[in-house]
Amino acid sequence: MSALVAPSSLQGELADHARPGPVVLDVQFTVAGDGPDLYAAGHLPGAPFVDLDAVLAGEPGAEGRHPLPDPAVLQSGLRAAGVDDDSSVVVYDQATSLAAARAWWVLRWAGLTDVRVLDGGLAAWRAAGGEVTTDPVSPVPGGVHVDPDQLVVLDADDAVATARLGVLVDARAPERFRGETEPIDPVAGHVPGAVNVPMTDLLSDDGRLRPPAELRARFAEAGVDELSVVGTYCGSGVTAAHTALALHEVGVEADVYVGSWSEWISDPDRPVATGD
């Protein structure tokens, strides 16, 4: 079942007053921390802001730049956003679903079962004529109980095993994978045995995910099929969730190495590969 929802479909769900609509969460995000400013400049009516850095990730450190969130912090943040145990949740970001995919993955890790991503994010919503507001949002607090570890989370040893026995997908740009440049982390290169499928290869020009047939063909080039054991990683564990979302759309349930490259290189004894 697809985890994506089109803007027109979401508009219909929100306009249907005969049944409870989904809880819509704004998770706009940039590495510079501009999410709150983006939210203030425009968001879906009634959608509260959930900060990826503060709620959907823990403190940066040896476990990576975006490690798993503390369950108590995540629970508090989701309750403040009006989420209950039985909520249907839709998450969105600016356009590419990069941050929204991280929210989709984390919420499912935390035990929520009905989580979808607005395909194309706020940009697609605007293009479809959806209303955008700058009004503040004060949702009725929810009572969700976070039950963590509902998804498999890879550690460094698991990543090695996945690269050896299955397919470990690196979602970063090719030049970062090859070790030619590294704009964020102190060491360049990739986990030995990984294959590179850049996030940009999975997106259409408007920021939506490519159709399943195109995604399936791209992953097949990397050796992935529906029978593959697959793990994903990136620089800090955000883009890795986006790749997991794209794989989900073609029927492959990938495990995410949340620590990703930023955690891998925290141990100088771990090997670093370069080139293709």
Protein backbone atom coordinates (compact mmCIF):
# COMPACT_ATOMS: atom_id res chain seq x y z
CA MET A 1 0.00 0.00 0.00
CA SER A 2 1.36 3.40 -0.95
CA ALA A 3 2.50 5.71 1.84
CA LEU A 4 1.94 8.75 -0.38
CA VAL A 5 -1.11 10.97 -0.57
CA ALA A 6 -1.74 13.42 -3.41
CA PRO A 7 -2.75 17.00 -2.59
CA SER A 8 -6.20 16.56 -4.18
CA SER A 9 -6.84 13.45 -2.09
CA LEU A 10 -5.78 15.18 1.12
CA GLN A 11 -8.00 18.14 0.29
CA GLY A 12 -10.93 15.75 -0.01
CA GLU A 13 -10.16 14.06 3.29
CA LEU A 14 -9.91 17.35 5.13
CA ALA A 15 -13.17 18.59 3.60
CA ASP A 16 -15.08 15.43 4.54
CA HIS A 17 -16.70 16.40 7.82
CA ALA A 18 -18.56 13.09 8.05
CA ARG A 19 -15.44 11.37 9.37
CA PRO A 20 -12.36 12.46 11.33
CA GLY A 21 -9.66 13.83 9.07
CA PRO A 22 -5.96 13.10 9.44
CA VAL A 23 -3.65 15.01 11.75
CA VAL A 24 -1.43 17.00 9.39
CA LEU A 25 2.09 17.82 10.61
CA ASP A 26 4.44 20.36 9.06
CA VAL A 27 8.05 19.20 9.21
CA GLN A 28 9.71 21.73 6.91
CA PHE A 29 13.46 21.50 7.42
CA THR A 30 16.86 22.65 6.20
CA VAL A 31 20.31 21.75 7.50
CA ALA A 32 20.66 25.41 8.47
CA GLY A 33 17.74 25.07 10.90
CA ASP A 34 15.33 27.25 8.94
CA GLY A 35 12.28 25.05 9.54
CA PRO A 36 10.52 27.41 11.96
CA ASP A 37 10.97 30.35 9.58
CA LEU A 38 9.64 28.33 6.64
CA TYR A 39 6.65 27.31 8.73
CA ALA A 40 5.97 30.91 9.75
CA ALA A 41 6.05 31.96 6.09
CA GLY A 42 3.31 29.51 5.14
CA HIS A 43 1.76 26.19 6.14
CA LEU A 44 -1.41 24.15 5.73
CA PRO A 45 -4.30 25.43 7.83
CA GLY A 46 -4.41 23.64 11.18
CA ALA A 47 -1.03 21.97 10.73
CA PRO A 48 1.33 22.42 13.69
CA PHE A 49 5.08 22.50 13.23
CA VAL A 50 7.19 19.54 14.39
CA ASP A 51 10.90 20.29 14.53
CA LEU A 52 13.03 17.55 12.99
CA ASP A 53 16.13 18.49 14.99
CA ALA A 54 14.36 18.87 18.34
CA VAL A 55 11.62 16.20 18.14
CA LEU A 56 12.40 13.69 15.39
CA ALA A 57 16.09 13.30 16.29
CA GLY A 58 18.30 13.16 19.34
CA GLU A 59 21.30 15.29 20.18
CA PRO A 60 24.19 15.04 17.69
CA GLY A 61 27.17 13.05 18.91
CA ALA A 62 28.96 9.74 18.52
CA GLU A 63 25.71 8.15 17.28
CA GLY A 64 25.53 10.58 14.37
CA ARG A 65 24.17 13.99 13.49
CA HIS A 66 20.52 12.88 13.59
CA PRO A 67 20.31 9.86 15.90
CA LEU A 68 17.08 8.34 17.12
CA PRO A 69 15.01 10.68 19.28
CA ASP A 70 14.52 10.13 22.97
CA PRO A 71 11.11 8.41 23.16
CA ALA A 72 9.92 10.73 25.91
CA VAL A 73 10.87 13.82 23.89
CA LEU A 74 9.20 12.40 20.79
CA GLN A 75 6.06 11.55 22.73
CA SER A 76 5.86 15.04 24.22
CA GLY A 77 6.34 16.66 20.82
CA LEU A 78 3.70 14.51 19.14
CA ARG A 79 1.20 15.06 21.95
CA ALA A 80 1.73 18.81 21.66
CA ALA A 81 0.94 18.46 17.96
CA GLY A 82 -2.37 16.75 18.70
CA VAL A 83 -1.44 13.16 17.88
CA ASP A 84 -3.31 10.26 19.52
CA ASP A 85 -2.64 6.53 19.42
CA ASP A 86 -5.27 5.98 16.73
CA SER A 87 -4.51 9.09 14.69
CA SER A 88 -4.14 8.99 10.95
CA VAL A 89 -1.15 11.24 10.32
CA VAL A 90 0.00 13.05 7.18
CA VAL A 91 3.42 14.71 7.18
CA TYR A 92 4.83 17.17 4.69
CA ASP A 93 7.80 19.46 4.05
CA GLN A 94 8.67 22.05 1.42
CA ALA A 95 8.63 19.82 -1.66
CA THR A 96 10.94 16.80 -1.83
CA SER A 97 9.60 14.82 1.17
CA LEU A 98 13.14 14.59 2.56
CA ALA A 99 12.15 15.65 6.08
CA ALA A 100 8.64 14.22 5.71
CA ALA A 101 10.12 10.79 5.01
CA ARG A 102 12.18 11.05 8.20
CA ALA A 103 8.96 11.83 10.08
CA TRP A 104 7.16 8.94 8.32
CA TRP A 105 9.91 6.55 9.37
CA VAL A 106 10.30 7.82 12.96
CA LEU A 107 6.56 7.78 13.66
CA ARG A 108 6.31 4.18 12.44
CA TRP A 109 9.38 3.29 14.53
CA ALA A 110 7.48 4.79 17.46
CA GLY A 111 4.42 2.56 16.93
CA LEU A 112 2.07 4.67 14.82
CA THR A 113 0.62 2.58 12.01
CA ASP A 114 -1.23 5.07 9.78
CA VAL A 115 1.34 7.57 8.57
CA ARG A 116 1.45 9.03 5.06
CA VAL A 117 3.53 11.60 3.20
CA LEU A 118 2.05 14.46 1.17
CA ASP A 119 3.76 13.81 -2.15
CA GLY A 120 5.39 17.01 -3.36
CA GLY A 121 4.90 18.75 -0.03
CA LEU A 122 3.81 22.33 0.38
CA ALA A 123 4.80 23.19 -3.20
CA ALA A 124 2.46 20.56 -4.63
CA TRP A 125 -0.29 21.64 -2.23
CA ARG A 126 0.00 25.22 -3.48
CA ALA A 127 0.07 24.09 -7.11
CA ALA A 128 -3.16 22.16 -6.53
CA GLY A 129 -4.87 25.29 -5.20
CA GLY A 130 -4.64 24.30 -1.56
CA GLU A 131 -5.03 27.01 1.06
CA VAL A 132 -1.87 28.22 2.81
CA THR A 133 -1.86 30.33 5.93
CA THR A 134 0.56 32.06 8.27
CA ASP A 135 -1.86 31.86 11.20
CA PRO A 136 -0.52 30.29 14.40
CA VAL A 137 -1.85 26.83 15.27
CA SER A 138 -2.76 25.61 18.76
CA PRO A 139 -3.98 22.01 18.47
CA VAL A 140 -5.83 20.20 21.21
CA PRO A 141 -3.10 18.11 22.88
CA GLY A 142 -3.11 14.44 21.99
CA GLY A 143 -2.47 11.38 24.11
CA VAL A 144 -0.22 9.25 21.91
CA HIS A 145 1.94 6.66 23.67
CA VAL A 146 5.26 6.19 21.93
CA ASP A 147 6.26 2.52 21.71
CA PRO A 148 9.74 2.58 20.16
CA ASP A 149 11.64 -0.05 18.18
CA GLN A 150 8.73 -1.10 15.95
CA LEU A 151 11.07 -0.97 12.94
CA VAL A 152 14.48 -2.58 12.48
CA VAL A 153 17.28 -0.10 13.06
CA LEU A 154 20.70 -0.95 11.67
CA ASP A 155 23.90 -0.26 13.54
CA ALA A 156 27.38 -0.21 12.03
CA ASP A 157 27.83 -3.99 12.25
CA ASP A 158 24.42 -4.52 10.67
CA ALA A 159 25.39 -2.18 7.84
CA VAL A 160 28.47 -4.30 7.15
CA ALA A 161 26.38 -7.47 7.14
CA THR A 162 23.79 -5.91 4.84
CA ALA A 163 26.47 -4.83 2.37
CA ARG A 164 27.84 -8.37 2.39
CA LEU A 165 24.59 -10.36 2.27
CA GLY A 166 22.21 -7.93 0.57
CA VAL A 167 22.31 -4.37 -0.74
CA LEU A 168 23.37 -1.35 1.31
CA VAL A 169 22.20 1.80 -0.47
CA ASP A 170 24.05 5.08 0.04
CA ALA A 171 21.65 7.96 -0.73
CA ARG A 172 24.20 10.76 -0.91
CA ALA A 173 25.41 12.66 -3.96
CA PRO A 174 27.84 10.68 -6.15
CA GLU A 175 30.81 12.92 -5.40
CA ARG A 176 30.34 12.39 -1.68
CA PHE A 177 29.96 8.63 -2.16
CA ARG A 178 33.18 8.51 -4.20
CA GLY A 179 35.02 10.53 -1.57
CA GLU A 180 35.83 13.39 -3.92
CA THR A 181 34.29 15.95 -1.58
CA GLU A 182 32.63 16.04 1.81
CA PRO A 183 30.93 19.34 2.71
CA ILE A 184 29.60 18.28 6.11
CA ASP A 185 31.43 15.38 7.74
CA PRO A 186 35.19 15.34 8.49
CA VAL A 187 35.93 12.18 6.47
CA ALA A 188 34.98 11.52 2.85
CA GLY A 189 34.07 8.17 1.30
CA HIS A 190 31.53 5.41 1.87
CA VAL A 191 30.88 2.18 3.72
CA PRO A 192 32.73 -0.61 1.89
CA GLY A 193 30.39 -2.67 -0.26
CA ALA A 194 27.67 0.00 -0.45
CA VAL A 195 26.07 1.06 -3.73
CA ASN A 196 25.13 4.61 -4.60
CA VAL A 197 21.57 5.64 -5.48
CA PRO A 198 21.45 9.42 -5.02
CA MET A 199 18.23 10.84 -3.66
CA THR A 200 17.97 13.12 -6.68
CA ASP A 201 17.62 10.07 -8.93
CA LEU A 202 14.34 9.25 -7.18
CA LEU A 203 12.63 12.60 -7.68
CA SER A 204 10.71 14.18 -10.52
CA ASP A 205 11.41 17.80 -11.42
CA ASP A 206 8.54 18.99 -9.18
CA GLY A 207 9.91 17.24 -6.10
CA ARG A 208 7.50 14.31 -6.13
CA LEU A 209 8.73 10.75 -6.10
CA ARG A 210 9.08 9.24 -9.55
CA PRO A 211 6.41 6.71 -10.61
CA PRO A 212 6.92 3.19 -9.19
CA ALA A 213 8.04 1.73 -12.52
CA GLU A 214 10.83 4.30 -12.78
CA LEU A 215 11.84 3.80 -9.15
CA ARG A 216 11.88 0.04 -9.61
CA ALA A 217 14.11 0.36 -12.67
CA ARG A 218 16.54 2.68 -10.88
CA PHE A 219 16.85 0.38 -7.88
CA ALA A 220 17.26 -2.62 -10.17
CA GLU A 221 20.33 -0.91 -11.63
CA ALA A 222 21.76 -1.02 -8.10
CA GLY A 223 20.94 -4.70 -7.68
CA VAL A 224 17.73 -4.29 -5.67
CA ASP A 225 14.62 -6.34 -6.29
CA GLU A 226 11.65 -7.36 -4.16
CA LEU A 227 13.56 -10.31 -2.70
CA SER A 228 16.60 -8.27 -1.67
CA VAL A 229 17.67 -7.62 1.91
CA VAL A 230 18.17 -3.86 1.79
CA GLY A 231 19.56 -1.23 4.11
CA THR A 232 19.83 2.49 3.54
CA TYR A 233 22.14 5.17 4.85
CA CYS A 234 23.20 8.73 4.05
CA GLY A 235 25.13 11.41 5.89
CA SER A 236 23.04 11.64 9.05
CA GLY A 237 20.02 9.34 8.70
CA VAL A 238 17.52 11.76 7.15
CA THR A 239 17.94 11.08 3.44
CA ALA A 240 18.22 7.37 4.28
CA ALA A 241 14.58 7.47 5.38
CA HIS A 242 13.63 9.08 2.07
CA THR A 243 15.26 6.19 0.21
CA ALA A 244 13.38 3.77 2.46
CA LEU A 245 10.15 5.55 1.51
CA ALA A 246 10.95 5.21 -2.20
CA LEU A 247 11.71 1.52 -1.71
CA HIS A 248 8.45 1.07 0.17
CA GLU A 249 6.64 2.42 -2.87
CA VAL A 250 8.03 -0.46 -4.96
CA GLY A 251 7.33 -3.15 -2.38
CA VAL A 252 10.73 -3.34 -0.69
CA GLU A 253 10.89 -2.77 3.07
CA ALA A 254 14.37 -1.46 3.77
CA ASP A 255 16.04 -1.12 7.15
CA VAL A 256 17.63 2.23 7.97
CA TYR A 257 21.12 2.76 9.35
CA VAL A 258 20.13 5.80 11.37
CA GLY A 259 23.64 6.73 12.47
CA SER A 260 24.73 6.67 8.83
CA TRP A 261 28.05 8.06 7.66
CA SER A 262 28.35 10.57 10.51
CA GLU A 263 28.23 7.69 13.00
CA TRP A 264 30.33 5.31 10.88
CA ILE A 265 33.32 7.64 10.86
CA SER A 266 33.17 8.24 14.63
CA ASP A 267 35.24 5.05 14.98
CA PRO A 268 38.61 5.50 13.24
CA ASP A 269 39.01 1.72 13.00
CA ARG A 270 36.09 1.41 10.59
CA PRO A 271 37.24 1.15 6.99
CA VAL A 272 36.49 3.88 4.44
CA ALA A 273 36.06 3.14 0.75
CA THR A 274 36.41 5.65 -2.08
CA GLY A 275 35.69 5.65 -5.80
CA ASP A 276 32.82 3.87 -7.49
